[in-house]
Structures are given as structure tokens and as C-alpha cells.
PDB file of N, CA and C in Angstrom:
ATOM      1  N   MET A   1     144.703   3.811  47.059  1.00  0.00           N
ATOM      2  CA  MET A   1     144.289   4.824  48.015  1.00  0.00           C
ATOM      3  C   MET A   1     143.906   4.166  49.320  1.00  0.00           C
ATOM      4  N   ALA A   2     144.198   4.870  50.364  1.00  0.00           N
ATOM      5  CA  ALA A   2     143.815   4.385  51.683  1.00  0.00           C
ATOM      6  C   ALA A   2     142.321   4.590  51.880  1.00  0.00           C
ATOM      7  N   SER A   3     141.772   3.841  52.793  1.00  0.00           N
ATOM      8  CA  SER A   3     140.333   3.939  53.032  1.00  0.00           C
ATOM      9  C   SER A   3     139.940   5.318  53.556  1.00  0.00           C
ATOM     10  N   VAL A   4     140.850   5.993  54.257  1.00  0.00           N
ATOM     11  CA  VAL A   4     140.556   7.337  54.769  1.00  0.00           C
ATOM     12  C   VAL A   4     140.415   8.318  53.607  1.00  0.00           C
ATOM     13  N   GLU A   5     141.308   8.215  52.627  1.00  0.00           N
ATOM     14  CA  GLU A   5     141.241   9.095  51.459  1.00  0.00           C
ATOM     15  C   GLU A   5     139.972   8.839  50.654  1.00  0.00           C
ATOM     16  N   LEU A   6     139.643   7.565  50.492  1.00  0.00           N
ATOM     17  CA  LEU A   6     138.426   7.227  49.761  1.00  0.00           C
ATOM     18  C   LEU A   6     137.188   7.727  50.498  1.00  0.00           C
ATOM     19  N   ALA A   7     137.183   7.595  51.802  1.00  0.00           N
ATOM     20  CA  ALA A   7     136.033   8.047  52.584  1.00  0.00           C
ATOM     21  C   ALA A   7     135.830   9.547  52.434  1.00  0.00           C
ATOM     22  N   ALA A   8     136.921  10.312  52.457  1.00  0.00           N
ATOM     23  CA  ALA A   8     136.814  11.768  52.288  1.00  0.00           C
ATOM     24  C   ALA A   8     136.336  12.112  50.880  1.00  0.00           C
ATOM     25  N   THR A   9     136.813  11.380  49.893  1.00  0.00           N
ATOM     26  CA  THR A   9     136.393  11.621  48.520  1.00  0.00           C
ATOM     27  C   THR A   9     134.919  11.282  48.335  1.00  0.00           C
ATOM     28  N   TYR A  10     134.520  10.152  48.870  1.00  0.00           N
ATOM     29  CA  TYR A  10     133.106   9.773  48.782  1.00  0.00           C
ATOM     30  C   TYR A  10     132.213  10.778  49.507  1.00  0.00           C
ATOM     31  N   ALA A  11     132.675  11.285  50.626  1.00  0.00           N
ATOM     32  CA  ALA A  11     131.902  12.286  51.356  1.00  0.00           C
ATOM     33  C   ALA A  11     131.709  13.538  50.501  1.00  0.00           C
ATOM     34  N   ALA A  12     132.761  13.951  49.811  1.00  0.00           N
ATOM     35  CA  ALA A  12     132.656  15.118  48.927  1.00  0.00           C
ATOM     36  C   ALA A  12     131.699  14.838  47.777  1.00  0.00           C
ATOM     37  N   LEU A  13     131.720  13.627  47.246  1.00  0.00           N
ATOM     38  CA  LEU A  13     130.801  13.270  46.164  1.00  0.00           C
ATOM     39  C   LEU A  13     129.354  13.235  46.645  1.00  0.00           C
ATOM     40  N   ILE A  14     129.148  12.761  47.862  1.00  0.00           N
ATOM     41  CA  ILE A  14     127.791  12.743  48.428  1.00  0.00           C
ATOM     42  C   ILE A  14     127.277  14.164  48.580  1.00  0.00           C
ATOM     43  N   LEU A  15     128.122  15.045  49.097  1.00  0.00           N
ATOM     44  CA  LEU A  15     127.722  16.448  49.267  1.00  0.00           C
ATOM     45  C   LEU A  15     127.403  17.089  47.920  1.00  0.00           C
ATOM     46  N   ALA A  16     128.233  16.819  46.921  1.00  0.00           N
ATOM     47  CA  ALA A  16     128.005  17.395  45.595  1.00  0.00           C
ATOM     48  C   ALA A  16     126.722  16.854  44.979  1.00  0.00           C
ATOM     49  N   ASP A  17     126.455  15.571  45.188  1.00  0.00           N
ATOM     50  CA  ASP A  17     125.254  14.965  44.630  1.00  0.00           C
ATOM     51  C   ASP A  17     123.989  15.542  45.257  1.00  0.00           C
ATOM     52  N   ASP A  18     124.077  15.872  46.532  1.00  0.00           N
ATOM     53  CA  ASP A  18     122.927  16.465  47.224  1.00  0.00           C
ATOM     54  C   ASP A  18     122.801  17.959  46.959  1.00  0.00           C
ATOM     55  N   GLY A  19     123.778  18.546  46.283  1.00  0.00           N
ATOM     56  CA  GLY A  19     123.736  19.975  45.997  1.00  0.00           C
ATOM     57  C   GLY A  19     124.103  20.822  47.201  1.00  0.00           C
ATOM     58  N   VAL A  20     124.827  20.242  48.136  1.00  0.00           N
ATOM     59  CA  VAL A  20     125.237  20.935  49.356  1.00  0.00           C
ATOM     60  C   VAL A  20     126.663  21.453  49.169  1.00  0.00           C
ATOM     61  N   GLU A  21     126.956  22.604  49.743  1.00  0.00           N
ATOM     62  CA  GLU A  21     128.302  23.159  49.658  1.00  0.00           C
ATOM     63  C   GLU A  21     129.290  22.219  50.347  1.00  0.00           C
ATOM     64  N   ILE A  22     130.431  22.007  49.705  1.00  0.00           N
ATOM     65  CA  ILE A  22     131.451  21.107  50.240  1.00  0.00           C
ATOM     66  C   ILE A  22     132.351  21.895  51.180  1.00  0.00           C
ATOM     67  N   THR A  23     132.304  21.554  52.464  1.00  0.00           N
ATOM     68  CA  THR A  23     133.150  22.195  53.477  1.00  0.00           C
ATOM     69  C   THR A  23     133.873  21.114  54.262  1.00  0.00           C
ATOM     70  N   ALA A  24     134.922  21.516  54.946  1.00  0.00           N
ATOM     71  CA  ALA A  24     135.698  20.572  55.748  1.00  0.00           C
ATOM     72  C   ALA A  24     134.852  19.989  56.871  1.00  0.00           C
ATOM     73  N   ASP A  25     134.009  20.821  57.484  1.00  0.00           N
ATOM     74  CA  ASP A  25     133.174  20.329  58.578  1.00  0.00           C
ATOM     75  C   ASP A  25     132.199  19.253  58.105  1.00  0.00           C
ATOM     76  N   LYS A  26     131.620  19.461  56.935  1.00  0.00           N
ATOM     77  CA  LYS A  26     130.655  18.497  56.415  1.00  0.00           C
ATOM     78  C   LYS A  26     131.342  17.202  55.997  1.00  0.00           C
ATOM     79  N   ILE A  27     132.544  17.308  55.453  1.00  0.00           N
ATOM     80  CA  ILE A  27     133.302  16.101  55.100  1.00  0.00           C
ATOM     81  C   ILE A  27     133.646  15.321  56.354  1.00  0.00           C
ATOM     82  N   THR A  28     134.090  16.018  57.378  1.00  0.00           N
ATOM     83  CA  THR A  28     134.433  15.375  58.643  1.00  0.00           C
ATOM     84  C   THR A  28     133.199  14.735  59.273  1.00  0.00           C
ATOM     85  N   ALA A  29     132.059  15.407  59.203  1.00  0.00           N
ATOM     86  CA  ALA A  29     130.829  14.859  59.779  1.00  0.00           C
ATOM     87  C   ALA A  29     130.392  13.581  59.049  1.00  0.00           C
ATOM     88  N   LEU A  30     130.464  13.591  57.728  1.00  0.00           N
ATOM     89  CA  LEU A  30     130.066  12.401  56.963  1.00  0.00           C
ATOM     90  C   LEU A  30     131.012  11.224  57.204  1.00  0.00           C
ATOM     91  N   THR A  31     132.296  11.503  57.219  1.00  0.00           N
ATOM     92  CA  THR A  31     133.245  10.411  57.456  1.00  0.00           C
ATOM     93  C   THR A  31     133.137   9.905  58.892  1.00  0.00           C
ATOM     94  N   GLY A  32     132.844  10.799  59.830  1.00  0.00           N
ATOM     95  CA  GLY A  32     132.635  10.376  61.221  1.00  0.00           C
ATOM     96  C   GLY A  32     131.417   9.479  61.348  1.00  0.00           C
ATOM     97  N   ALA A  33     130.362   9.783  60.591  1.00  0.00           N
ATOM     98  CA  ALA A  33     129.161   8.949  60.617  1.00  0.00           C
ATOM     99  C   ALA A  33     129.437   7.564  60.039  1.00  0.00           C
ATOM    100  N   ALA A  34     130.442   7.470  59.184  1.00  0.00           N
ATOM    101  CA  ALA A  34     130.818   6.187  58.596  1.00  0.00           C
ATOM    102  C   ALA A  34     131.884   5.484  59.429  1.00  0.00           C
ATOM    103  N   ALA A  35     132.178   6.026  60.593  1.00  0.00           N
ATOM    104  CA  ALA A  35     133.172   5.465  61.517  1.00  0.00           C
ATOM    105  C   ALA A  35     134.579   5.471  60.922  1.00  0.00           C
ATOM    106  N   VAL A  36     134.880   6.503  60.148  1.00  0.00           N
ATOM    107  CA  VAL A  36     136.224   6.687  59.593  1.00  0.00           C
ATOM    108  C   VAL A  36     136.733   8.029  60.092  1.00  0.00           C
ATOM    109  N   GLU A  37     137.882   8.013  60.724  1.00  0.00           N
ATOM    110  CA  GLU A  37     138.444   9.259  61.247  1.00  0.00           C
ATOM    111  C   GLU A  37     139.375   9.882  60.215  1.00  0.00           C
ATOM    112  N   VAL A  38     138.989  11.061  59.725  1.00  0.00           N
ATOM    113  CA  VAL A  38     139.793  11.812  58.768  1.00  0.00           C
ATOM    114  C   VAL A  38     140.408  12.985  59.514  1.00  0.00           C
ATOM    115  N   GLU A  39     141.705  13.174  59.349  1.00  0.00           N
ATOM    116  CA  GLU A  39     142.353  14.313  59.985  1.00  0.00           C
ATOM    117  C   GLU A  39     141.785  15.597  59.395  1.00  0.00           C
ATOM    118  N   PRO A  40     141.576  16.597  60.226  1.00  0.00           N
ATOM    119  CA  PRO A  40     140.960  17.842  59.757  1.00  0.00           C
ATOM    120  C   PRO A  40     141.730  18.521  58.617  1.00  0.00           C
ATOM    121  N   ILE A  41     143.038  18.368  58.582  1.00  0.00           N
ATOM    122  CA  ILE A  41     143.819  19.016  57.532  1.00  0.00           C
ATOM    123  C   ILE A  41     143.437  18.467  56.156  1.00  0.00           C
ATOM    124  N   TRP A  42     143.196  17.147  56.069  1.00  0.00           N
ATOM    125  CA  TRP A  42     142.871  16.540  54.781  1.00  0.00           C
ATOM    126  C   TRP A  42     141.475  16.943  54.321  1.00  0.00           C
ATOM    127  N   ALA A  43     140.558  17.037  55.273  1.00  0.00           N
ATOM    128  CA  ALA A  43     139.211  17.489  54.920  1.00  0.00           C
ATOM    129  C   ALA A  43     139.251  18.940  54.447  1.00  0.00           C
ATOM    130  N   THR A  44     140.076  19.756  55.099  1.00  0.00           N
ATOM    131  CA  THR A  44     140.207  21.168  54.714  1.00  0.00           C
ATOM    132  C   THR A  44     140.828  21.298  53.326  1.00  0.00           C
ATOM    133  N   LEU A  45     141.879  20.533  53.064  1.00  0.00           N
ATOM    134  CA  LEU A  45     142.529  20.585  51.750  1.00  0.00           C
ATOM    135  C   LEU A  45     141.590  20.145  50.631  1.00  0.00           C
ATOM    136  N   LEU A  46     140.825  19.087  50.882  1.00  0.00           N
ATOM    137  CA  LEU A  46     139.896  18.611  49.875  1.00  0.00           C
ATOM    138  C   LEU A  46     138.795  19.638  49.624  1.00  0.00           C
ATOM    139  N   ALA A  47     138.296  20.235  50.693  1.00  0.00           N
ATOM    140  CA  ALA A  47     137.244  21.246  50.551  1.00  0.00           C
ATOM    141  C   ALA A  47     137.755  22.464  49.785  1.00  0.00           C
ATOM    142  N   LYS A  48     138.988  22.880  50.065  1.00  0.00           N
ATOM    143  CA  LYS A  48     139.559  24.023  49.339  1.00  0.00           C
ATOM    144  C   LYS A  48     139.810  23.683  47.874  1.00  0.00           C
ATOM    145  N   ALA A  49     140.220  22.461  47.603  1.00  0.00           N
ATOM    146  CA  ALA A  49     140.484  22.055  46.223  1.00  0.00           C
ATOM    147  C   ALA A  49     139.199  22.028  45.393  1.00  0.00           C
ATOM    148  N   LEU A  50     138.096  21.709  46.041  1.00  0.00           N
ATOM    149  CA  LEU A  50     136.832  21.605  45.317  1.00  0.00           C
ATOM    150  C   LEU A  50     135.974  22.859  45.412  1.00  0.00           C
ATOM    151  N   SER A  51     136.428  23.850  46.166  1.00  0.00           N
ATOM    152  CA  SER A  51     135.618  25.058  46.326  1.00  0.00           C
ATOM    153  C   SER A  51     135.531  25.813  44.998  1.00  0.00           C
ATOM    154  N   GLY A  52     134.329  26.245  44.669  1.00  0.00           N
ATOM    155  CA  GLY A  52     134.111  26.999  43.443  1.00  0.00           C
ATOM    156  C   GLY A  52     134.068  26.153  42.187  1.00  0.00           C
ATOM    157  N   LYS A  53     134.150  24.846  42.329  1.00  0.00           N
ATOM    158  CA  LYS A  53     134.115  23.956  41.171  1.00  0.00           C
ATOM    159  C   LYS A  53     132.833  23.133  41.197  1.00  0.00           C
ATOM    160  N   ASN A  54     132.303  22.867  40.040  1.00  0.00           N
ATOM    161  CA  ASN A  54     131.129  22.021  39.934  1.00  0.00           C
ATOM    162  C   ASN A  54     131.618  20.576  39.811  1.00  0.00           C
ATOM    163  N   VAL A  55     131.484  19.817  40.882  1.00  0.00           N
ATOM    164  CA  VAL A  55     132.021  18.459  40.925  1.00  0.00           C
ATOM    165  C   VAL A  55     131.318  17.575  39.892  1.00  0.00           C
ATOM    166  N   LYS A  56     130.049  17.789  39.664  1.00  0.00           N
ATOM    167  CA  LYS A  56     129.331  16.982  38.674  1.00  0.00           C
ATOM    168  C   LYS A  56     129.899  17.206  37.277  1.00  0.00           C
ATOM    169  N   ASP A  57     130.249  18.451  36.955  1.00  0.00           N
ATOM    170  CA  ASP A  57     130.867  18.727  35.659  1.00  0.00           C
ATOM    171  C   ASP A  57     132.246  18.092  35.562  1.00  0.00           C
ATOM    172  N   LEU A  58     132.991  18.111  36.662  1.00  0.00           N
ATOM    173  CA  LEU A  58     134.310  17.477  36.659  1.00  0.00           C
ATOM    174  C   LEU A  58     134.197  15.986  36.367  1.00  0.00           C
ATOM    175  N   LEU A  59     133.194  15.358  36.960  1.00  0.00           N
ATOM    176  CA  LEU A  59     133.023  13.925  36.755  1.00  0.00           C
ATOM    177  C   LEU A  59     132.550  13.600  35.345  1.00  0.00           C
ATOM    178  N   SER A  60     131.715  14.439  34.788  1.00  0.00           N
ATOM    179  CA  SER A  60     131.205  14.154  33.446  1.00  0.00           C
ATOM    180  C   SER A  60     132.240  14.452  32.367  1.00  0.00           C
ATOM    181  N   ASN A  61     133.269  15.227  32.684  1.00  0.00           N
ATOM    182  CA  ASN A  61     134.306  15.569  31.716  1.00  0.00           C
ATOM    183  C   ASN A  61     135.633  14.889  32.013  1.00  0.00           C
ATOM    184  N   VAL A  62     135.588  13.729  32.644  1.00  0.00           N
ATOM    185  CA  VAL A  62     136.813  13.036  33.022  1.00  0.00           C
ATOM    186  C   VAL A  62     137.630  12.668  31.792  1.00  0.00           C
ATOM    187  N   GLY A  63     137.012  12.193  30.762  1.00  0.00           N
ATOM    188  CA  GLY A  63     137.724  11.738  29.579  1.00  0.00           C
ATOM    189  C   GLY A  63     138.224  12.851  28.690  1.00  0.00           C
ATOM    190  N   SER A  64     137.719  14.052  28.853  1.00  0.00           N
ATOM    191  CA  SER A  64     138.116  15.116  27.936  1.00  0.00           C
ATOM    192  C   SER A  64     139.517  15.608  28.224  1.00  0.00           C
ATOM    193  N   GLY A  65     139.957  15.635  29.440  1.00  0.00           N
ATOM    194  CA  GLY A  65     141.319  15.991  29.797  1.00  0.00           C
ATOM    195  C   GLY A  65     141.865  17.198  29.078  1.00  0.00           C
ATOM    196  N   GLY A  66     143.184  17.294  28.978  1.00  0.00           N
ATOM    197  CA  GLY A  66     143.809  18.435  28.325  1.00  0.00           C
ATOM    198  C   GLY A  66     143.987  18.241  26.835  1.00  0.00           C
ATOM    199  N   GLY A  67     143.908  17.011  26.333  1.00  0.00           N
ATOM    200  CA  GLY A  67     144.168  16.751  24.936  1.00  0.00           C
ATOM    201  C   GLY A  67     143.021  17.097  24.009  1.00  0.00           C
ATOM    202  N   ALA A  68     141.821  17.174  24.513  1.00  0.00           N
ATOM    203  CA  ALA A  68     140.666  17.394  23.636  1.00  0.00           C
ATOM    204  C   ALA A  68     140.705  18.741  22.924  1.00  0.00           C
ATOM    205  N   PRO A  69     140.982  19.847  23.592  1.00  0.00           N
ATOM    206  CA  PRO A  69     141.023  21.112  22.858  1.00  0.00           C
ATOM    207  C   PRO A  69     142.117  21.144  21.803  1.00  0.00           C
ATOM    208  N   ALA A  70     143.241  20.536  22.076  1.00  0.00           N
ATOM    209  CA  ALA A  70     144.320  20.536  21.103  1.00  0.00           C
ATOM    210  C   ALA A  70     143.934  19.717  19.875  1.00  0.00           C
ATOM    211  N   ALA A  71     143.231  18.625  20.077  1.00  0.00           N
ATOM    212  CA  ALA A  71     142.816  17.802  18.955  1.00  0.00           C
ATOM    213  C   ALA A  71     141.739  18.488  18.140  1.00  0.00           C
ATOM    214  N   ALA A  72     140.913  19.298  18.794  1.00  0.00           N
ATOM    215  CA  ALA A  72     139.835  19.976  18.080  1.00  0.00           C
ATOM    216  C   ALA A  72     140.360  21.150  17.260  1.00  0.00           C
ATOM    217  N   GLY A  73     141.515  21.682  17.604  1.00  0.00           N
ATOM    218  CA  GLY A  73     142.072  22.842  16.910  1.00  0.00           C
ATOM    219  C   GLY A  73     142.303  22.614  15.429  1.00  0.00           C
ATOM    220  N   PRO A  74     143.010  21.577  15.038  1.00  0.00           N
ATOM    221  CA  PRO A  74     143.233  21.352  13.615  1.00  0.00           C
ATOM    222  C   PRO A  74     141.949  21.076  12.842  1.00  0.00           C
ATOM    223  N   VAL A  75     140.970  20.455  13.474  1.00  0.00           N
ATOM    224  CA  VAL A  75     139.712  20.168  12.792  1.00  0.00           C
ATOM    225  C   VAL A  75     139.013  21.469  12.450  1.00  0.00           C
ATOM    226  N   ALA A  76     139.010  22.427  13.391  1.00  0.00           N
ATOM    227  CA  ALA A  76     138.365  23.710  13.130  1.00  0.00           C
ATOM    228  C   ALA A  76     139.116  24.474  12.037  1.00  0.00           C
ATOM    229  N   GLY A  77     140.436  24.389  12.023  1.00  0.00           N
ATOM    230  CA  GLY A  77     141.229  25.088  11.020  1.00  0.00           C
ATOM    231  C   GLY A  77     141.113  24.443   9.652  1.00  0.00           C
ATOM    232  N   ALA A  78     140.798  23.171   9.604  1.00  0.00           N
ATOM    233  CA  ALA A  78     140.698  22.477   8.331  1.00  0.00           C
ATOM    234  C   ALA A  78     139.522  22.983   7.509  1.00  0.00           C
ATOM    235  N   GLY A  79     138.480  23.434   8.168  1.00  0.00           N
ATOM    236  CA  GLY A  79     137.326  23.939   7.445  1.00  0.00           C
ATOM    237  C   GLY A  79     137.647  25.239   6.725  1.00  0.00           C
ATOM    238  N   ALA A  80     138.496  26.065   7.303  1.00  0.00           N
ATOM    239  CA  ALA A  80     138.834  27.358   6.709  1.00  0.00           C
ATOM    240  C   ALA A  80     139.831  27.198   5.567  1.00  0.00           C
ATOM    241  N   GLY A  81     140.825  26.369   5.752  1.00  0.00           N
ATOM    242  CA  GLY A  81     141.840  26.221   4.708  1.00  0.00           C
ATOM    243  C   GLY A  81     142.358  24.813   4.684  1.00  0.00           C
ATOM    244  N   GLY A  82     141.524  23.860   4.489  1.00  0.00           N
ATOM    245  CA  GLY A  82     141.894  22.458   4.548  1.00  0.00           C
ATOM    246  C   GLY A  82     142.844  22.028   3.451  1.00  0.00           C
ATOM    247  N   ALA A  83     142.889  22.725   2.338  1.00  0.00           N
ATOM    248  CA  ALA A  83     143.730  22.316   1.225  1.00  0.00           C
ATOM    249  C   ALA A  83     145.187  22.720   1.439  1.00  0.00           C
ATOM    250  N   ALA A  84     145.456  23.679   2.275  1.00  0.00           N
ATOM    251  CA  ALA A  84     146.811  24.179   2.474  1.00  0.00           C
ATOM    252  C   ALA A  84     147.766  23.107   2.991  1.00  0.00           C
ATOM    253  N   PRO A  85     147.434  22.309   4.010  1.00  0.00           N
ATOM    254  CA  PRO A  85     148.377  21.290   4.457  1.00  0.00           C
ATOM    255  C   PRO A  85     148.677  20.257   3.381  1.00  0.00           C
ATOM    256  N   ALA A  86     147.717  19.914   2.564  1.00  0.00           N
ATOM    257  CA  ALA A  86     147.955  18.933   1.503  1.00  0.00           C
ATOM    258  C   ALA A  86     148.940  19.485   0.485  1.00  0.00           C
ATOM    259  N   GLU A  87     148.833  20.766   0.173  1.00  0.00           N
ATOM    260  CA  GLU A  87     149.750  21.375  -0.785  1.00  0.00           C
ATOM    261  C   GLU A  87     151.164  21.409  -0.225  1.00  0.00           C
ATOM    262  N   GLU A  88     151.297  21.671   1.071  1.00  0.00           N
ATOM    263  CA  GLU A  88     152.617  21.699   1.678  1.00  0.00           C
ATOM    264  C   GLU A  88     153.270  20.329   1.600  1.00  0.00           C
ATOM    265  N   LYS A  89     152.500  19.274   1.793  1.00  0.00           N
ATOM    266  CA  LYS A  89     153.052  17.933   1.724  1.00  0.00           C
ATOM    267  C   LYS A  89     153.545  17.622   0.315  1.00  0.00           C
ATOM    268  N   LYS A  90     152.799  18.066  -0.693  1.00  0.00           N
ATOM    269  CA  LYS A  90     153.208  17.828  -2.069  1.00  0.00           C
ATOM    270  C   LYS A  90     154.514  18.541  -2.379  1.00  0.00           C
ATOM    271  N   GLU A  91     154.664  19.775  -1.855  1.00  0.00           N
ATOM    272  CA  GLU A  91     155.889  20.529  -2.088  1.00  0.00           C
ATOM    273  C   GLU A  91     157.079  19.836  -1.431  1.00  0.00           C
ATOM    274  N   GLU A  92     156.880  19.295  -0.241  1.00  0.00           N
ATOM    275  CA  GLU A  92     157.961  18.593   0.432  1.00  0.00           C
ATOM    276  C   GLU A  92     158.390  17.369  -0.373  1.00  0.00           C
ATOM    277  N   LYS A  93     157.426  16.660  -0.933  1.00  0.00           N
ATOM    278  CA  LYS A  93     157.761  15.487  -1.720  1.00  0.00           C
ATOM    279  C   LYS A  93     158.550  15.870  -2.968  1.00  0.00           C
ATOM    280  N   LYS A  94     158.201  16.989  -3.575  1.00  0.00           N
ATOM    281  CA  LYS A  94     158.922  17.437  -4.765  1.00  0.00           C
ATOM    282  C   LYS A  94     160.353  17.800  -4.417  1.00  0.00           C
ATOM    283  N   GLU A  95     160.557  18.453  -3.262  1.00  0.00           N
ATOM    284  CA  GLU A  95     161.911  18.826  -2.853  1.00  0.00           C
ATOM    285  C   GLU A  95     162.747  17.591  -2.602  1.00  0.00           C
ATOM    286  N   GLU A  96     162.160  16.571  -1.992  1.00  0.00           N
ATOM    287  CA  GLU A  96     162.890  15.338  -1.751  1.00  0.00           C
ATOM    288  C   GLU A  96     163.264  14.675  -3.075  1.00  0.00           C
ATOM    289  N   ALA A  97     162.388  14.737  -4.025  1.00  0.00           N
ATOM    290  CA  ALA A  97     162.671  14.135  -5.323  1.00  0.00           C
ATOM    291  C   ALA A  97     163.838  14.846  -5.996  1.00  0.00           C
ATOM    292  N   LYS A  98     163.941  16.150  -5.876  1.00  0.00           N
ATOM    293  CA  LYS A  98     165.044  16.895  -6.467  1.00  0.00           C
ATOM    294  C   LYS A  98     166.360  16.498  -5.825  1.00  0.00           C
ATOM    295  N   GLU A  99     166.349  16.296  -4.516  1.00  0.00           N
ATOM    296  CA  GLU A  99     167.583  15.895  -3.836  1.00  0.00           C
ATOM    297  C   GLU A  99     168.033  14.523  -4.301  1.00  0.00           C
ATOM    298  N   GLU A 100     167.103  13.628  -4.504  1.00  0.00           N
ATOM    299  CA  GLU A 100     167.440  12.292  -4.959  1.00  0.00           C
ATOM    300  C   GLU A 100     167.941  12.309  -6.404  1.00  0.00           C
ATOM    301  N   SER A 101     167.485  13.229  -7.195  1.00  0.00           N
ATOM    302  CA  SER A 101     167.893  13.274  -8.597  1.00  0.00           C
ATOM    303  C   SER A 101     169.359  13.684  -8.737  1.00  0.00           C
ATOM    304  N   ASP A 102     169.960  14.334  -7.755  1.00  0.00           N
ATOM    305  CA  ASP A 102     171.372  14.687  -7.811  1.00  0.00           C
ATOM    306  C   ASP A 102     172.248  13.440  -7.870  1.00  0.00           C
ATOM    307  N   ASP A 103     171.818  12.366  -7.217  1.00  0.00           N
ATOM    308  CA  ASP A 103     172.590  11.126  -7.225  1.00  0.00           C
ATOM    309  C   ASP A 103     172.574  10.468  -8.602  1.00  0.00           C
ATOM    310  N   ASP A 104     171.576  10.758  -9.390  1.00  0.00           N
ATOM    311  CA  ASP A 104     171.452  10.142 -10.691  1.00  0.00           C
ATOM    312  C   ASP A 104     172.417  10.745 -11.716  1.00  0.00           C
ATOM    313  N   MET A 105     173.090  11.821 -11.353  1.00  0.00           N
ATOM    314  CA  MET A 105     173.953  12.494 -12.317  1.00  0.00           C
ATOM    315  C   MET A 105     175.299  11.792 -12.455  1.00  0.00           C
ATOM    316  N   GLY A 106     175.552  10.796 -11.640  1.00  0.00           N
ATOM    317  CA  GLY A 106     176.773  10.020 -11.842  1.00  0.00           C
ATOM    318  C   GLY A 106     177.907  10.440 -10.923  1.00  0.00           C
ATOM    319  N   PHE A 107     177.740  11.396 -10.113  1.00  0.00           N
ATOM    320  CA  PHE A 107     178.808  11.739  -9.180  1.00  0.00           C
ATOM    321  C   PHE A 107     178.192  11.984  -7.805  1.00  0.00           C
ATOM    322  N   GLY A 108     179.011  11.787  -6.814  1.00  0.00           N
ATOM    323  CA  GLY A 108     178.560  11.980  -5.446  1.00  0.00           C
ATOM    324  C   GLY A 108     179.701  12.481  -4.598  1.00  0.00           C
ATOM    325  N   LEU A 109     179.478  12.582  -3.369  1.00  0.00           N
ATOM    326  CA  LEU A 109     180.461  13.138  -2.437  1.00  0.00           C
ATOM    327  C   LEU A 109     181.686  12.214  -2.315  1.00  0.00           C
ATOM    328  N   PHE A 110     181.459  10.917  -2.339  1.00  0.00           N
ATOM    329  CA  PHE A 110     182.564   9.990  -2.100  1.00  0.00           C
ATOM    330  C   PHE A 110     183.029   9.293  -3.366  1.00  0.00           C
ATOM    331  N   ASP A 111     182.693   9.789  -4.550  1.00  0.00           N
ATOM    332  CA  ASP A 111     183.138   9.164  -5.797  1.00  0.00           C
ATOM    333  C   ASP A 111     184.496   9.639  -6.192  1.00  0.00           C
TER     334      ASP A 111
END
């Protein structure tokens, strides 16, 4: 990342940490105080992207990403009917065994 992008991001984090609303003007003011010139369009885009979001919650949930709910789904379902998947696996193994037993009869497709 360029230093301008980092400065705008840090400015947004400072505003969020202070509990102040994140706006383009405030981002521009903070970056200006740090002697970094951020184009107004980038400050506006960042402010719009973060509007209505709790930045502290976003930071604390960085590792949860999109995979966490999907991983939690089977765990919750296992409590209700945890034995069902095990039974399905046993049935699949039995079907495979039946297919293999056809070869034991002494004839095959290419005999």
C-alpha cells in the first residue's frame, strides 16, 4: 500500500477509536495534519465504505471471515442427528463391497 492509502486508513481508525463519526472531511483533516495529501475522492470513498459500520467490530472479527458460519453449521446439525452421517458412510461401504464381490464370481467384462 502506498503511504497515502495507509494514512487515510489510519485516519479512519483514529476516528473510530475516538468514537467520532468517520467523514471525508475528518479524514482529510487528519491526513493534512500528518502532512500527507489525500485526494478528496479517496477520503470520500473510504468514508462511504465505512459509514454505518462499527469499525471496532470489523477489526475484532478479522479472522472469522466468511468460512466461520459454514464451519459452524455441521456442528450445530450434529447435535440433532449426529448418527445419521455415520450410518450413511457405512451404507456406502457396503455398496462398494457388493460391487467388488462381482469380480470374485470368476467373470468380468474383458474375460
